[in-house]
Amino acid sequence: MWLNVIGWTATAVFSSSYFFKEAATLRRIQAAAATLWVLYGVLIHSAPVVVANLIVGVAAVYTSLRFVLNKRAGG
């Protein structure tokens, strides 16, 4: 039961990211959804789900941080 809740919540969170106009917000929401997917992957013992969503989460966080740092530097 809880596995389904986590999986469907991750799907809903990820899908909702497309309704936000700001790229930074979209990335933060995608990072949160990826975290839920990683949790789901761990619970179902699926390395591909864990690794794929770690990549998505790291990319979302990295690009968000890069954007913030470039903005602060005036670039």
N, C-alpha and C. Protein backbone atom coordinates (compact mmCIF):
# COMPACT_ATOMS: atom_id res chain seq x y z
N MET A 1 0.83 -1.20 0.00
CA MET A 1 0.00 0.00 0.00
C MET A 1 0.87 1.26 0.00
N TRP A 2 1.81 1.37 0.97
CA TRP A 2 2.63 2.57 1.06
C TRP A 2 3.54 2.73 -0.15
N LEU A 3 3.96 1.64 -0.73
CA LEU A 3 4.80 1.73 -1.92
C LEU A 3 4.03 2.43 -3.05
N ASN A 4 2.77 2.05 -3.22
CA ASN A 4 1.96 2.70 -4.24
C ASN A 4 1.78 4.18 -3.96
N VAL A 5 1.58 4.53 -2.71
CA VAL A 5 1.41 5.94 -2.33
C VAL A 5 2.66 6.73 -2.67
N ILE A 6 3.83 6.18 -2.35
CA ILE A 6 5.09 6.88 -2.64
C ILE A 6 5.27 7.02 -4.16
N GLY A 7 5.04 5.95 -4.89
CA GLY A 7 5.20 6.00 -6.35
C GLY A 7 4.27 6.99 -7.01
N TRP A 8 2.99 6.97 -6.64
CA TRP A 8 2.02 7.89 -7.24
C TRP A 8 2.27 9.33 -6.79
N THR A 9 2.72 9.52 -5.56
CA THR A 9 3.05 10.88 -5.09
C THR A 9 4.24 11.42 -5.87
N ALA A 10 5.25 10.60 -6.08
CA ALA A 10 6.41 11.02 -6.86
C ALA A 10 5.99 11.42 -8.27
N THR A 11 5.10 10.64 -8.86
CA THR A 11 4.61 10.94 -10.20
C THR A 11 3.87 12.28 -10.21
N ALA A 12 3.00 12.48 -9.23
CA ALA A 12 2.23 13.73 -9.15
C ALA A 12 3.13 14.94 -8.93
N VAL A 13 4.11 14.80 -8.04
CA VAL A 13 5.03 15.92 -7.76
C VAL A 13 5.82 16.26 -9.02
N PHE A 14 6.35 15.24 -9.68
CA PHE A 14 7.14 15.48 -10.89
C PHE A 14 6.28 16.15 -11.97
N SER A 15 5.09 15.64 -12.17
CA SER A 15 4.19 16.20 -13.19
C SER A 15 3.80 17.64 -12.87
N SER A 16 3.63 17.94 -11.60
CA SER A 16 3.23 19.30 -11.22
C SER A 16 4.31 20.33 -11.53
N SER A 17 5.55 19.89 -11.64
CA SER A 17 6.65 20.83 -11.89
C SER A 17 6.46 21.58 -13.20
N TYR A 18 5.77 20.99 -14.14
CA TYR A 18 5.58 21.62 -15.45
C TYR A 18 4.56 22.76 -15.43
N PHE A 19 3.88 22.95 -14.32
CA PHE A 19 2.90 24.03 -14.20
C PHE A 19 3.51 25.31 -13.63
N PHE A 20 4.80 25.31 -13.34
CA PHE A 20 5.46 26.48 -12.80
C PHE A 20 6.27 27.18 -13.88
N LYS A 21 6.21 28.49 -13.89
CA LYS A 21 6.86 29.26 -14.95
C LYS A 21 8.35 29.43 -14.73
N GLU A 22 8.76 29.57 -13.49
CA GLU A 22 10.19 29.80 -13.22
C GLU A 22 10.97 28.48 -13.29
N ALA A 23 12.06 28.53 -14.02
CA ALA A 23 12.89 27.33 -14.20
C ALA A 23 13.44 26.83 -12.87
N ALA A 24 13.81 27.75 -11.99
CA ALA A 24 14.37 27.34 -10.70
C ALA A 24 13.34 26.56 -9.88
N THR A 25 12.11 27.00 -9.92
CA THR A 25 11.04 26.30 -9.19
C THR A 25 10.82 24.93 -9.79
N LEU A 26 10.79 24.85 -11.10
CA LEU A 26 10.62 23.57 -11.79
C LEU A 26 11.72 22.60 -11.37
N ARG A 27 12.94 23.07 -11.32
CA ARG A 27 14.07 22.19 -10.95
C ARG A 27 13.98 21.74 -9.51
N ARG A 28 13.58 22.63 -8.61
CA ARG A 28 13.46 22.25 -7.20
C ARG A 28 12.39 21.17 -7.02
N ILE A 29 11.28 21.33 -7.70
CA ILE A 29 10.21 20.36 -7.60
C ILE A 29 10.65 19.03 -8.21
N GLN A 30 11.36 19.09 -9.32
CA GLN A 30 11.86 17.85 -9.93
C GLN A 30 12.87 17.16 -9.01
N ALA A 31 13.69 17.93 -8.31
CA ALA A 31 14.63 17.34 -7.36
C ALA A 31 13.88 16.66 -6.21
N ALA A 32 12.82 17.28 -5.74
CA ALA A 32 12.01 16.68 -4.67
C ALA A 32 11.35 15.39 -5.16
N ALA A 33 10.83 15.42 -6.37
CA ALA A 33 10.20 14.22 -6.93
C ALA A 33 11.24 13.11 -7.12
N ALA A 34 12.42 13.47 -7.57
CA ALA A 34 13.48 12.48 -7.75
C ALA A 34 13.84 11.84 -6.42
N THR A 35 13.82 12.63 -5.35
CA THR A 35 14.09 12.09 -4.02
C THR A 35 13.04 11.05 -3.65
N LEU A 36 11.78 11.36 -3.93
CA LEU A 36 10.72 10.37 -3.67
C LEU A 36 10.92 9.11 -4.51
N TRP A 37 11.32 9.28 -5.76
CA TRP A 37 11.56 8.13 -6.62
C TRP A 37 12.74 7.29 -6.12
N VAL A 38 13.76 7.96 -5.60
CA VAL A 38 14.90 7.22 -5.03
C VAL A 38 14.41 6.39 -3.84
N LEU A 39 13.61 7.00 -2.97
CA LEU A 39 13.05 6.27 -1.84
C LEU A 39 12.25 5.06 -2.32
N TYR A 40 11.42 5.28 -3.31
CA TYR A 40 10.62 4.20 -3.90
C TYR A 40 11.53 3.10 -4.44
N GLY A 41 12.56 3.49 -5.17
CA GLY A 41 13.49 2.52 -5.74
C GLY A 41 14.21 1.70 -4.68
N VAL A 42 14.59 2.35 -3.59
CA VAL A 42 15.24 1.64 -2.49
C VAL A 42 14.27 0.62 -1.88
N LEU A 43 13.04 1.05 -1.67
CA LEU A 43 12.05 0.17 -1.04
C LEU A 43 11.69 -1.04 -1.89
N ILE A 44 11.75 -0.88 -3.22
CA ILE A 44 11.44 -2.02 -4.09
C ILE A 44 12.72 -2.73 -4.56
N HIS A 45 13.86 -2.28 -4.05
CA HIS A 45 15.15 -2.89 -4.37
C HIS A 45 15.43 -2.84 -5.88
N SER A 46 15.26 -1.65 -6.46
CA SER A 46 15.49 -1.48 -7.90
C SER A 46 16.62 -0.48 -8.14
N ALA A 47 17.79 -1.01 -8.42
CA ALA A 47 18.95 -0.15 -8.67
C ALA A 47 18.72 0.80 -9.85
N PRO A 48 18.11 0.37 -10.96
CA PRO A 48 17.90 1.30 -12.07
C PRO A 48 17.03 2.51 -11.68
N VAL A 49 16.00 2.29 -10.88
CA VAL A 49 15.14 3.39 -10.44
C VAL A 49 15.95 4.34 -9.55
N VAL A 50 16.74 3.79 -8.64
CA VAL A 50 17.55 4.61 -7.74
C VAL A 50 18.58 5.42 -8.53
N VAL A 51 19.34 4.77 -9.37
CA VAL A 51 20.41 5.44 -10.11
C VAL A 51 19.85 6.50 -11.07
N ALA A 52 18.82 6.15 -11.81
CA ALA A 52 18.24 7.10 -12.76
C ALA A 52 17.75 8.35 -12.05
N ASN A 53 17.13 8.18 -10.91
CA ASN A 53 16.59 9.34 -10.21
C ASN A 53 17.64 10.09 -9.40
N LEU A 54 18.70 9.43 -9.01
CA LEU A 54 19.84 10.15 -8.44
C LEU A 54 20.44 11.08 -9.50
N ILE A 55 20.55 10.60 -10.71
CA ILE A 55 21.06 11.42 -11.81
C ILE A 55 20.16 12.62 -12.04
N VAL A 56 18.85 12.38 -12.10
CA VAL A 56 17.89 13.48 -12.30
C VAL A 56 17.97 14.48 -11.15
N GLY A 57 17.99 13.98 -9.93
CA GLY A 57 18.04 14.86 -8.76
C GLY A 57 19.32 15.69 -8.70
N VAL A 58 20.44 15.05 -8.95
CA VAL A 58 21.72 15.77 -8.94
C VAL A 58 21.75 16.82 -10.05
N ALA A 59 21.27 16.47 -11.22
CA ALA A 59 21.24 17.43 -12.33
C ALA A 59 20.34 18.62 -12.00
N ALA A 60 19.20 18.37 -11.37
CA ALA A 60 18.28 19.45 -11.01
C ALA A 60 18.91 20.37 -9.97
N VAL A 61 19.54 19.80 -8.96
CA VAL A 61 20.18 20.61 -7.93
C VAL A 61 21.37 21.37 -8.50
N TYR A 62 22.19 20.69 -9.29
CA TYR A 62 23.37 21.33 -9.90
C TYR A 62 22.97 22.52 -10.76
N THR A 63 22.01 22.33 -11.64
CA THR A 63 21.62 23.44 -12.52
C THR A 63 20.98 24.57 -11.74
N SER A 64 20.26 24.27 -10.68
CA SER A 64 19.69 25.32 -9.83
C SER A 64 20.78 26.12 -9.15
N LEU A 65 21.77 25.42 -8.59
CA LEU A 65 22.88 26.10 -7.92
C LEU A 65 23.71 26.91 -8.91
N ARG A 66 23.94 26.34 -10.08
CA ARG A 66 24.71 27.05 -11.10
C ARG A 66 24.01 28.34 -11.49
N PHE A 67 22.70 28.29 -11.65
CA PHE A 67 21.92 29.47 -12.00
C PHE A 67 22.03 30.53 -10.92
N VAL A 68 21.90 30.14 -9.67
CA VAL A 68 21.98 31.07 -8.54
C VAL A 68 23.38 31.69 -8.46
N LEU A 69 24.41 30.88 -8.60
CA LEU A 69 25.77 31.41 -8.53
C LEU A 69 26.07 32.34 -9.68
N ASN A 70 25.60 32.02 -10.88
CA ASN A 70 25.80 32.92 -12.02
C ASN A 70 25.05 34.24 -11.84
N LYS A 71 23.88 34.17 -11.25
CA LYS A 71 23.09 35.36 -11.00
C LYS A 71 23.78 36.27 -10.01
N ARG A 72 24.36 35.68 -8.96
CA ARG A 72 25.08 36.46 -7.94
C ARG A 72 26.34 37.08 -8.51
N ALA A 73 26.97 36.38 -9.44
CA ALA A 73 28.22 36.88 -10.03
C ALA A 73 27.95 37.94 -11.08
N GLY A 74 26.68 38.15 -11.39
CA GLY A 74 26.35 39.18 -12.38
C GLY A 74 26.31 38.65 -13.79
N GLY A 75 26.33 37.33 -13.94
CA GLY A 75 26.37 36.74 -15.27
C GLY A 75 25.09 36.26 -15.66
